[in-house]
PDB file of N, CA and C in Angstrom:
ATOM      1  N   MET A   1     114.816 -10.688   0.211  1.00  0.00           N
ATOM      2  CA  MET A   1     114.051 -11.843   0.682  1.00  0.00           C
ATOM      3  C   MET A   1     114.724 -12.458   1.908  1.00  0.00           C
ATOM      4  N   LYS A   2     113.896 -12.919   2.844  1.00  0.00           N
ATOM      5  CA  LYS A   2     114.421 -13.508   4.072  1.00  0.00           C
ATOM      6  C   LYS A   2     114.826 -14.955   3.839  1.00  0.00           C
ATOM      7  N   SER A   3     115.835 -15.384   4.604  1.00  0.00           N
ATOM      8  CA  SER A   3     116.251 -16.783   4.540  1.00  0.00           C
ATOM      9  C   SER A   3     115.274 -17.631   5.362  1.00  0.00           C
ATOM     10  N   GLU A   4     115.306 -18.944   5.138  1.00  0.00           N
ATOM     11  CA  GLU A   4     114.453 -19.849   5.922  1.00  0.00           C
ATOM     12  C   GLU A   4     114.731 -19.675   7.416  1.00  0.00           C
ATOM     13  N   LYS A   5     116.006 -19.546   7.757  1.00  0.00           N
ATOM     14  CA  LYS A   5     116.402 -19.401   9.162  1.00  0.00           C
ATOM     15  C   LYS A   5     115.786 -18.129   9.766  1.00  0.00           C
ATOM     16  N   GLU A   6     115.817 -17.027   9.003  1.00  0.00           N
ATOM     17  CA  GLU A   6     115.241 -15.766   9.492  1.00  0.00           C
ATOM     18  C   GLU A   6     113.724 -15.890   9.666  1.00  0.00           C
ATOM     19  N   ILE A   7     113.075 -16.555   8.717  1.00  0.00           N
ATOM     20  CA  ILE A   7     111.620 -16.746   8.804  1.00  0.00           C
ATOM     21  C   ILE A   7     111.277 -17.593  10.030  1.00  0.00           C
ATOM     22  N   ILE A   8     112.026 -18.669  10.251  1.00  0.00           N
ATOM     23  CA  ILE A   8     111.779 -19.557  11.395  1.00  0.00           C
ATOM     24  C   ILE A   8     111.976 -18.794  12.705  1.00  0.00           C
ATOM     25  N   GLU A   9     113.062 -18.029  12.804  1.00  0.00           N
ATOM     26  CA  GLU A   9     113.319 -17.261  14.031  1.00  0.00           C
ATOM     27  C   GLU A   9     112.226 -16.225  14.273  1.00  0.00           C
ATOM     28  N   GLU A  10     111.777 -15.580  13.192  1.00  0.00           N
ATOM     29  CA  GLU A  10     110.712 -14.584  13.315  1.00  0.00           C
ATOM     30  C   GLU A  10     109.422 -15.248  13.800  1.00  0.00           C
ATOM     31  N   MET A  11     109.081 -16.399  13.233  1.00  0.00           N
ATOM     32  CA  MET A  11     107.870 -17.119  13.635  1.00  0.00           C
ATOM     33  C   MET A  11     107.964 -17.563  15.097  1.00  0.00           C
ATOM     34  N   GLN A  12     109.148 -18.007  15.522  1.00  0.00           N
ATOM     35  CA  GLN A  12     109.328 -18.413  16.922  1.00  0.00           C
ATOM     36  C   GLN A  12     109.030 -17.236  17.853  1.00  0.00           C
ATOM     37  N   GLN A  13     109.504 -16.057  17.490  1.00  0.00           N
ATOM     38  CA  GLN A  13     109.275 -14.873  18.326  1.00  0.00           C
ATOM     39  C   GLN A  13     107.792 -14.486  18.340  1.00  0.00           C
ATOM     40  N   VAL A  14     107.160 -14.501  17.173  1.00  0.00           N
ATOM     41  CA  VAL A  14     105.742 -14.131  17.059  1.00  0.00           C
ATOM     42  C   VAL A  14     104.869 -15.079  17.886  1.00  0.00           C
ATOM     43  N   VAL A  15     105.100 -16.380  17.732  1.00  0.00           N
ATOM     44  CA  VAL A  15     104.276 -17.386  18.407  1.00  0.00           C
ATOM     45  C   VAL A  15     104.515 -17.361  19.921  1.00  0.00           C
ATOM     46  N   GLU A  16     105.750 -17.152  20.345  1.00  0.00           N
ATOM     47  CA  GLU A  16     106.047 -17.030  21.776  1.00  0.00           C
ATOM     48  C   GLU A  16     105.370 -15.783  22.346  1.00  0.00           C
ATOM     49  N   GLN A  17     105.367 -14.687  21.589  1.00  0.00           N
ATOM     50  CA  GLN A  17     104.720 -13.455  22.039  1.00  0.00           C
ATOM     51  C   GLN A  17     103.208 -13.659  22.189  1.00  0.00           C
ATOM     52  N   MET A  18     102.621 -14.434  21.300  1.00  0.00           N
ATOM     53  CA  MET A  18     101.187 -14.745  21.410  1.00  0.00           C
ATOM     54  C   MET A  18     100.910 -15.469  22.724  1.00  0.00           C
ATOM     55  N   ARG A  19     101.779 -16.410  23.050  1.00  0.00           N
ATOM     56  CA  ARG A  19     101.620 -17.172  24.302  1.00  0.00           C
ATOM     57  C   ARG A  19     101.723 -16.238  25.507  1.00  0.00           C
ATOM     58  N   LEU A  20     102.739 -15.369  25.489  1.00  0.00           N
ATOM     59  CA  LEU A  20     102.946 -14.431  26.592  1.00  0.00           C
ATOM     60  C   LEU A  20     101.792 -13.437  26.710  1.00  0.00           C
ATOM     61  N   ASP A  21     101.267 -12.985  25.566  1.00  0.00           N
ATOM     62  CA  ASP A  21     100.125 -12.054  25.568  1.00  0.00           C
ATOM     63  C   ASP A  21      98.895 -12.713  26.185  1.00  0.00           C
ATOM     64  N   ASP A  22      98.646 -13.990  25.839  1.00  0.00           N
ATOM     65  CA  ASP A  22      97.507 -14.713  26.413  1.00  0.00           C
ATOM     66  C   ASP A  22      97.638 -14.797  27.931  1.00  0.00           C
ATOM     67  N   ILE A  23      98.844 -15.071  28.412  1.00  0.00           N
ATOM     68  CA  ILE A  23      99.077 -15.182  29.858  1.00  0.00           C
ATOM     69  C   ILE A  23      98.909 -13.819  30.525  1.00  0.00           C
ATOM     70  N   GLU A  24      99.388 -12.770  29.868  1.00  0.00           N
ATOM     71  CA  GLU A  24      99.250 -11.410  30.408  1.00  0.00           C
ATOM     72  C   GLU A  24      97.768 -11.013  30.482  1.00  0.00           C
ATOM     73  N   ASP A  25      97.001 -11.349  29.436  1.00  0.00           N
ATOM     74  CA  ASP A  25      95.574 -11.021  29.400  1.00  0.00           C
ATOM     75  C   ASP A  25      94.781 -11.818  30.428  1.00  0.00           C
ATOM     76  N   ASN A  26      95.193 -13.061  30.673  1.00  0.00           N
ATOM     77  CA  ASN A  26      94.469 -13.947  31.583  1.00  0.00           C
ATOM     78  C   ASN A  26      95.466 -14.887  32.263  1.00  0.00           C
ATOM     79  N   PRO A  27      96.035 -14.447  33.418  1.00  0.00           N
ATOM     80  CA  PRO A  27      97.049 -15.274  34.103  1.00  0.00           C
ATOM     81  C   PRO A  27      96.572 -16.689  34.446  1.00  0.00           C
ATOM     82  N   ASN A  28      95.252 -16.886  34.613  1.00  0.00           N
ATOM     83  CA  ASN A  28      94.720 -18.213  34.950  1.00  0.00           C
ATOM     84  C   ASN A  28      94.808 -19.197  33.788  1.00  0.00           C
ATOM     85  N   ILE A  29      95.071 -18.695  32.588  1.00  0.00           N
ATOM     86  CA  ILE A  29      95.108 -19.567  31.402  1.00  0.00           C
ATOM     87  C   ILE A  29      96.199 -20.628  31.512  1.00  0.00           C
ATOM     88  N   VAL A  30      97.235 -20.357  32.317  1.00  0.00           N
ATOM     89  CA  VAL A  30      98.318 -21.343  32.461  1.00  0.00           C
ATOM     90  C   VAL A  30      97.822 -22.639  33.095  1.00  0.00           C
ATOM     91  N   ASP A  31      96.671 -22.574  33.792  1.00  0.00           N
ATOM     92  CA  ASP A  31      96.092 -23.770  34.411  1.00  0.00           C
ATOM     93  C   ASP A  31      95.050 -24.438  33.526  1.00  0.00           C
ATOM     94  N   GLU A  32      94.736 -23.817  32.374  1.00  0.00           N
ATOM     95  CA  GLU A  32      93.723 -24.365  31.470  1.00  0.00           C
ATOM     96  C   GLU A  32      94.406 -25.186  30.378  1.00  0.00           C
ATOM     97  N   THR A  33      93.921 -26.425  30.202  1.00  0.00           N
ATOM     98  CA  THR A  33      94.515 -27.292  29.184  1.00  0.00           C
ATOM     99  C   THR A  33      93.438 -27.792  28.225  1.00  0.00           C
ATOM    100  N   PHE A  34      93.874 -28.325  27.112  1.00  0.00           N
ATOM    101  CA  PHE A  34      92.983 -28.900  26.112  1.00  0.00           C
ATOM    102  C   PHE A  34      93.800 -29.927  25.343  1.00  0.00           C
ATOM    103  N   GLU A  35      93.112 -30.774  24.585  1.00  0.00           N
ATOM    104  CA  GLU A  35      93.809 -31.751  23.750  1.00  0.00           C
ATOM    105  C   GLU A  35      93.983 -31.149  22.356  1.00  0.00           C
ATOM    106  N   CYS A  36      95.225 -30.974  21.946  1.00  0.00           N
ATOM    107  CA  CYS A  36      95.533 -30.375  20.650  1.00  0.00           C
ATOM    108  C   CYS A  36      95.008 -31.274  19.531  1.00  0.00           C
ATOM    109  N   ASP A  37      94.295 -30.656  18.581  1.00  0.00           N
ATOM    110  CA  ASP A  37      93.746 -31.420  17.456  1.00  0.00           C
ATOM    111  C   ASP A  37      94.830 -31.858  16.481  1.00  0.00           C
ATOM    112  N   CYS A  38      96.029 -31.331  16.644  1.00  0.00           N
ATOM    113  CA  CYS A  38      97.115 -31.667  15.721  1.00  0.00           C
ATOM    114  C   CYS A  38      98.023 -32.754  16.313  1.00  0.00           C
ATOM    115  N   CYS A  39      98.678 -32.458  17.434  1.00  0.00           N
ATOM    116  CA  CYS A  39      99.621 -33.429  18.007  1.00  0.00           C
ATOM    117  C   CYS A  39      98.951 -34.426  18.945  1.00  0.00           C
ATOM    118  N   GLY A  40      97.724 -34.115  19.393  1.00  0.00           N
ATOM    119  CA  GLY A  40      96.988 -35.039  20.251  1.00  0.00           C
ATOM    120  C   GLY A  40      97.395 -34.995  21.714  1.00  0.00           C
ATOM    121  N   GLU A  41      98.341 -34.112  22.053  1.00  0.00           N
ATOM    122  CA  GLU A  41      98.807 -34.012  23.432  1.00  0.00           C
ATOM    123  C   GLU A  41      97.958 -33.015  24.217  1.00  0.00           C
ATOM    124  N   THR A  42      97.917 -33.183  25.537  1.00  0.00           N
ATOM    125  CA  THR A  42      97.240 -32.223  26.405  1.00  0.00           C
ATOM    126  C   THR A  42      98.201 -31.062  26.626  1.00  0.00           C
ATOM    127  N   LYS A  43      97.764 -29.879  26.195  1.00  0.00           N
ATOM    128  CA  LYS A  43      98.638 -28.702  26.236  1.00  0.00           C
ATOM    129  C   LYS A  43      97.931 -27.526  26.886  1.00  0.00           C
ATOM    130  N   CYS A  44      98.715 -26.535  27.262  1.00  0.00           N
ATOM    131  CA  CYS A  44      98.206 -25.293  27.841  1.00  0.00           C
ATOM    132  C   CYS A  44      97.462 -24.504  26.766  1.00  0.00           C
ATOM    133  N   LEU A  45      96.365 -23.876  27.171  1.00  0.00           N
ATOM    134  CA  LEU A  45      95.548 -23.084  26.253  1.00  0.00           C
ATOM    135  C   LEU A  45      96.275 -21.815  25.782  1.00  0.00           C
ATOM    136  N   ALA A  46      97.233 -21.341  26.582  1.00  0.00           N
ATOM    137  CA  ALA A  46      97.952 -20.111  26.226  1.00  0.00           C
ATOM    138  C   ALA A  46      98.675 -20.268  24.896  1.00  0.00           C
ATOM    139  N   GLY A  47      98.432 -19.325  23.998  1.00  0.00           N
ATOM    140  CA  GLY A  47      99.116 -19.347  22.702  1.00  0.00           C
ATOM    141  C   GLY A  47      98.511 -20.293  21.696  1.00  0.00           C
ATOM    142  N   SER A  48      97.392 -20.938  22.071  1.00  0.00           N
ATOM    143  CA  SER A  48      96.745 -21.838  21.113  1.00  0.00           C
ATOM    144  C   SER A  48      95.882 -21.006  20.170  1.00  0.00           C
ATOM    145  N   ILE A  49      95.630 -21.542  18.991  1.00  0.00           N
ATOM    146  CA  ILE A  49      94.811 -20.849  17.986  1.00  0.00           C
ATOM    147  C   ILE A  49      93.895 -21.865  17.332  1.00  0.00           C
ATOM    148  N   GLU A  50      92.718 -21.387  16.952  1.00  0.00           N
ATOM    149  CA  GLU A  50      91.810 -22.238  16.188  1.00  0.00           C
ATOM    150  C   GLU A  50      91.946 -21.898  14.709  1.00  0.00           C
ATOM    151  N   TYR A  51      92.225 -22.929  13.923  1.00  0.00           N
ATOM    152  CA  TYR A  51      92.319 -22.806  12.474  1.00  0.00           C
ATOM    153  C   TYR A  51      91.317 -23.771  11.870  1.00  0.00           C
ATOM    154  N   GLU A  52      90.510 -23.313  10.940  1.00  0.00           N
ATOM    155  CA  GLU A  52      89.634 -24.201  10.171  1.00  0.00           C
ATOM    156  C   GLU A  52      88.901 -25.207  11.070  1.00  0.00           C
ATOM    157  N   GLY A  53      88.521 -24.775  12.267  1.00  0.00           N
ATOM    158  CA  GLY A  53      87.791 -25.643  13.187  1.00  0.00           C
ATOM    159  C   GLY A  53      88.654 -26.544  14.049  1.00  0.00           C
ATOM    160  N   TYR A  54      89.973 -26.472  13.889  1.00  0.00           N
ATOM    161  CA  TYR A  54      90.896 -27.258  14.720  1.00  0.00           C
ATOM    162  C   TYR A  54      91.600 -26.330  15.695  1.00  0.00           C
ATOM    163  N   ARG A  55      91.694 -26.747  16.976  1.00  0.00           N
ATOM    164  CA  ARG A  55      92.456 -25.958  17.942  1.00  0.00           C
ATOM    165  C   ARG A  55      93.847 -26.562  18.045  1.00  0.00           C
ATOM    166  N   LEU A  56      94.858 -25.712  17.800  1.00  0.00           N
ATOM    167  CA  LEU A  56      96.262 -26.137  17.835  1.00  0.00           C
ATOM    168  C   LEU A  56      96.972 -25.523  19.025  1.00  0.00           C
ATOM    169  N   CYS A  57      97.810 -26.338  19.676  1.00  0.00           N
ATOM    170  CA  CYS A  57      98.619 -25.845  20.786  1.00  0.00           C
ATOM    171  C   CYS A  57      99.692 -24.892  20.249  1.00  0.00           C
ATOM    172  N   ASN A  58     100.339 -24.181  21.148  1.00  0.00           N
ATOM    173  CA  ASN A  58     101.344 -23.202  20.754  1.00  0.00           C
ATOM    174  C   ASN A  58     102.462 -23.830  19.939  1.00  0.00           C
ATOM    175  N   ASP A  59     102.882 -25.057  20.276  1.00  0.00           N
ATOM    176  CA  ASP A  59     103.946 -25.733  19.522  1.00  0.00           C
ATOM    177  C   ASP A  59     103.498 -26.013  18.086  1.00  0.00           C
ATOM    178  N   CYS A  60     102.249 -26.467  17.938  1.00  0.00           N
ATOM    179  CA  CYS A  60     101.736 -26.769  16.597  1.00  0.00           C
ATOM    180  C   CYS A  60     101.430 -25.493  15.818  1.00  0.00           C
ATOM    181  N   VAL A  61     101.043 -24.422  16.537  1.00  0.00           N
ATOM    182  CA  VAL A  61     100.851 -23.121  15.883  1.00  0.00           C
ATOM    183  C   VAL A  61     102.180 -22.702  15.247  1.00  0.00           C
ATOM    184  N   LEU A  62     103.273 -22.917  15.967  1.00  0.00           N
ATOM    185  CA  LEU A  62     104.597 -22.576  15.426  1.00  0.00           C
ATOM    186  C   LEU A  62     104.872 -23.380  14.153  1.00  0.00           C
ATOM    187  N   LEU A  63     104.582 -24.672  14.190  1.00  0.00           N
ATOM    188  CA  LEU A  63     104.780 -25.515  13.004  1.00  0.00           C
ATOM    189  C   LEU A  63     103.904 -25.036  11.846  1.00  0.00           C
ATOM    190  N   ALA A  64     102.634 -24.726  12.160  1.00  0.00           N
ATOM    191  CA  ALA A  64     101.694 -24.288  11.113  1.00  0.00           C
ATOM    192  C   ALA A  64     102.147 -22.964  10.506  1.00  0.00           C
ATOM    193  N   GLU A  65     102.416 -21.973  11.357  1.00  0.00           N
ATOM    194  CA  GLU A  65     102.777 -20.645  10.858  1.00  0.00           C
ATOM    195  C   GLU A  65     104.098 -20.682  10.087  1.00  0.00           C
ATOM    196  N   THR A  66     105.042 -21.467  10.572  1.00  0.00           N
ATOM    197  CA  THR A  66     106.320 -21.598   9.868  1.00  0.00           C
ATOM    198  C   THR A  66     106.093 -22.295   8.523  1.00  0.00           C
ATOM    199  N   GLY A  67     105.272 -23.333   8.531  1.00  0.00           N
ATOM    200  CA  GLY A  67     104.937 -24.045   7.299  1.00  0.00           C
ATOM    201  C   GLY A  67     104.272 -23.143   6.277  1.00  0.00           C
ATOM    202  N   PHE A  68     103.344 -22.292   6.754  1.00  0.00           N
ATOM    203  CA  PHE A  68     102.680 -21.339   5.849  1.00  0.00           C
ATOM    204  C   PHE A  68     103.694 -20.337   5.304  1.00  0.00           C
ATOM    205  N   ALA A  69     104.506 -19.777   6.204  1.00  0.00           N
ATOM    206  CA  ALA A  69     105.463 -18.735   5.811  1.00  0.00           C
ATOM    207  C   ALA A  69     106.488 -19.254   4.805  1.00  0.00           C
ATOM    208  N   LEU A  70     106.869 -20.515   4.963  1.00  0.00           N
ATOM    209  CA  LEU A  70     107.867 -21.108   4.056  1.00  0.00           C
ATOM    210  C   LEU A  70     107.221 -21.717   2.807  1.00  0.00           C
ATOM    211  N   GLY A  71     105.887 -21.694   2.763  1.00  0.00           N
ATOM    212  CA  GLY A  71     105.192 -22.267   1.619  1.00  0.00           C
ATOM    213  C   GLY A  71     105.236 -23.790   1.581  1.00  0.00           C
ATOM    214  N   LYS A  72     105.483 -24.416   2.740  1.00  0.00           N
ATOM    215  CA  LYS A  72     105.570 -25.886   2.808  1.00  0.00           C
ATOM    216  C   LYS A  72     104.191 -26.531   2.925  1.00  0.00           C
ATOM    217  N   ILE A  73     103.252 -25.787   3.544  1.00  0.00           N
ATOM    218  CA  ILE A  73     101.878 -26.279   3.664  1.00  0.00           C
ATOM    219  C   ILE A  73     100.921 -25.156   3.283  1.00  0.00           C
ATOM    220  N   LYS A  74      99.726 -25.561   2.849  1.00  0.00           N
ATOM    221  CA  LYS A  74      98.716 -24.577   2.461  1.00  0.00           C
ATOM    222  C   LYS A  74      97.531 -24.574   3.419  1.00  0.00           C
ATOM    223  N   SER A  75      97.397 -25.653   4.213  1.00  0.00           N
ATOM    224  CA  SER A  75      96.283 -25.730   5.161  1.00  0.00           C
ATOM    225  C   SER A  75      96.719 -26.474   6.420  1.00  0.00           C
ATOM    226  N   VAL A  76      95.955 -26.264   7.479  1.00  0.00           N
ATOM    227  CA  VAL A  76      96.215 -26.973   8.730  1.00  0.00           C
ATOM    228  C   VAL A  76      96.007 -28.471   8.534  1.00  0.00           C
ATOM    229  N   ASN A  77      95.069 -28.832   7.646  1.00  0.00           N
ATOM    230  CA  ASN A  77      94.852 -30.257   7.353  1.00  0.00           C
ATOM    231  C   ASN A  77      96.134 -30.941   6.907  1.00  0.00           C
ATOM    232  N   GLU A  78      96.920 -30.264   6.076  1.00  0.00           N
ATOM    233  CA  GLU A  78      98.189 -30.847   5.609  1.00  0.00           C
ATOM    234  C   GLU A  78      99.119 -31.117   6.784  1.00  0.00           C
ATOM    235  N   LEU A  79      99.169 -30.178   7.726  1.00  0.00           N
ATOM    236  CA  LEU A  79     100.020 -30.348   8.908  1.00  0.00           C
ATOM    237  C   LEU A  79      99.519 -31.515   9.760  1.00  0.00           C
ATOM    238  N   ILE A  80      98.207 -31.565   9.976  1.00  0.00           N
ATOM    239  CA  ILE A  80      97.630 -32.640  10.797  1.00  0.00           C
ATOM    240  C   ILE A  80      97.914 -34.003  10.166  1.00  0.00           C
ATOM    241  N   GLU A  81      97.750 -34.106   8.849  1.00  0.00           N
ATOM    242  CA  GLU A  81      98.027 -35.372   8.170  1.00  0.00           C
ATOM    243  C   GLU A  81      99.499 -35.762   8.305  1.00  0.00           C
ATOM    244  N   ALA A  82     100.395 -34.785   8.176  1.00  0.00           N
ATOM    245  CA  ALA A  82     101.828 -35.067   8.302  1.00  0.00           C
ATOM    246  C   ALA A  82     102.153 -35.547   9.717  1.00  0.00           C
ATOM    247  N   ILE A  83     101.546 -34.924  10.707  1.00  0.00           N
ATOM    248  CA  ILE A  83     101.812 -35.309  12.092  1.00  0.00           C
ATOM    249  C   ILE A  83     101.164 -36.652  12.406  1.00  0.00           C
ATOM    250  N   GLU A  84      99.984 -36.918  11.829  1.00  0.00           N
ATOM    251  CA  GLU A  84      99.335 -38.221  12.022  1.00  0.00           C
ATOM    252  C   GLU A  84     100.246 -39.341  11.549  1.00  0.00           C
ATOM    253  N   ASP A  85     100.870 -39.143  10.392  1.00  0.00           N
ATOM    254  CA  ASP A  85     101.793 -40.146   9.873  1.00  0.00           C
ATOM    255  C   ASP A  85     102.912 -40.392  10.877  1.00  0.00           C
ATOM    256  N   LYS A  86     103.430 -39.325  11.448  1.00  0.00           N
ATOM    257  CA  LYS A  86     104.503 -39.422  12.435  1.00  0.00           C
ATOM    258  C   LYS A  86     104.005 -40.191  13.669  1.00  0.00           C
ATOM    259  N   HIS A  87     102.764 -39.889  14.105  1.00  0.00           N
ATOM    260  CA  HIS A  87     102.176 -40.591  15.253  1.00  0.00           C
ATOM    261  C   HIS A  87     102.064 -42.077  14.974  1.00  0.00           C
ATOM    262  N   LEU A  88     101.615 -42.407  13.762  1.00  0.00           N
ATOM    263  CA  LEU A  88     101.470 -43.816  13.401  1.00  0.00           C
ATOM    264  C   LEU A  88     102.819 -44.512  13.385  1.00  0.00           C
ATOM    265  N   GLU A  89     103.839 -43.818  12.878  1.00  0.00           N
ATOM    266  CA  GLU A  89     105.185 -44.405  12.862  1.00  0.00           C
ATOM    267  C   GLU A  89     105.654 -44.685  14.293  1.00  0.00           C
ATOM    268  N   GLN A  90     105.429 -43.726  15.195  1.00  0.00           N
ATOM    269  CA  GLN A  90     105.834 -43.896  16.588  1.00  0.00           C
ATOM    270  C   GLN A  90     105.077 -45.054  17.237  1.00  0.00           C
ATOM    271  N   LEU A  91     103.787 -45.144  16.939  1.00  0.00           N
ATOM    272  CA  LEU A  91     102.964 -46.213  17.499  1.00  0.00           C
ATOM    273  C   LEU A  91     103.438 -47.573  16.991  1.00  0.00           C
ATOM    274  N   ALA A  92     103.705 -47.665  15.698  1.00  0.00           N
ATOM    275  CA  ALA A  92     104.175 -48.921  15.105  1.00  0.00           C
ATOM    276  C   ALA A  92     105.513 -49.331  15.726  1.00  0.00           C
ATOM    277  N   LYS A  93     106.377 -48.364  15.910  1.00  0.00           N
ATOM    278  CA  LYS A  93     107.686 -48.629  16.509  1.00  0.00           C
ATOM    279  C   LYS A  93     107.508 -49.158  17.939  1.00  0.00           C
ATOM    280  N   PHE A  94     106.603 -48.521  18.695  1.00  0.00           N
ATOM    281  CA  PHE A  94     106.341 -48.935  20.070  1.00  0.00           C
ATOM    282  C   PHE A  94     105.817 -50.365  20.115  1.00  0.00           C
ATOM    283  N   VAL A  95     104.861 -50.687  19.228  1.00  0.00           N
ATOM    284  CA  VAL A  95     104.269 -52.027  19.180  1.00  0.00           C
ATOM    285  C   VAL A  95     105.346 -53.067  18.874  1.00  0.00           C
ATOM    286  N   LYS A  96     106.211 -52.780  17.895  1.00  0.00           N
ATOM    287  CA  LYS A  96     107.291 -53.706  17.540  1.00  0.00           C
ATOM    288  C   LYS A  96     108.238 -53.921  18.717  1.00  0.00           C
ATOM    289  N   GLU A  97     108.560 -52.829  19.420  1.00  0.00           N
ATOM    290  CA  GLU A  97     109.456 -52.950  20.584  1.00  0.00           C
ATOM    291  C   GLU A  97     108.816 -53.802  21.677  1.00  0.00           C
ATOM    292  N   GLU A  98     107.502 -53.615  21.875  1.00  0.00           N
ATOM    293  CA  GLU A  98     106.792 -54.416  22.882  1.00  0.00           C
ATOM    294  C   GLU A  98     106.812 -55.889  22.499  1.00  0.00           C
ATOM    295  N   GLU A  99     106.602 -56.191  21.209  1.00  0.00           N
ATOM    296  CA  GLU A  99     106.635 -57.580  20.746  1.00  0.00           C
ATOM    297  C   GLU A  99     108.001 -58.194  21.007  1.00  0.00           C
ATOM    298  N   GLN A 100     109.055 -57.431  20.741  1.00  0.00           N
ATOM    299  CA  GLN A 100     110.408 -57.906  20.975  1.00  0.00           C
ATOM    300  C   GLN A 100     110.635 -58.206  22.459  1.00  0.00           C
ATOM    301  N   ARG A 101     110.128 -57.340  23.318  1.00  0.00           N
ATOM    302  CA  ARG A 101     110.295 -57.531  24.775  1.00  0.00           C
ATOM    303  C   ARG A 101     109.592 -58.800  25.220  1.00  0.00           C
ATOM    304  N   GLU A 102     108.391 -59.046  24.675  1.00  0.00           N
ATOM    305  CA  GLU A 102     107.628 -60.220  25.071  1.00  0.00           C
ATOM    306  C   GLU A 102     108.323 -61.513  24.636  1.00  0.00           C
ATOM    307  N   LYS A 103     108.997 -61.466  23.494  1.00  0.00           N
ATOM    308  CA  LYS A 103     109.697 -62.657  22.996  1.00  0.00           C
ATOM    309  C   LYS A 103     110.947 -62.952  23.821  1.00  0.00           C
ATOM    310  N   ASN A 104     111.554 -61.933  24.379  1.00  0.00           N
ATOM    311  CA  ASN A 104     112.814 -62.113  25.124  1.00  0.00           C
ATOM    312  C   ASN A 104     112.581 -62.493  26.563  1.00  0.00           C
TER     313      ASN A 104
END
């Protein structure tokens, strides 16, 4: 059985190869962007994948595939919900910092 570290390294290589293959198949793809349904950032289309109706950027594909391989998540929805929580935490932190700045 593979260790978590080996699985993560393998997934990093697979997902990076997908990105490189997309660029090789269509060099213009590096100029094409979309808003990732998972992280919400504008990302390059290269290496992105559609899962269950959601398009994920290459970075989120890595998180999803690693999560699946390690048995940490069973669906892309679980990943999106986990990342949404993180987004909300970041937003709340930003709002609090802004309030502090206004008071000072």
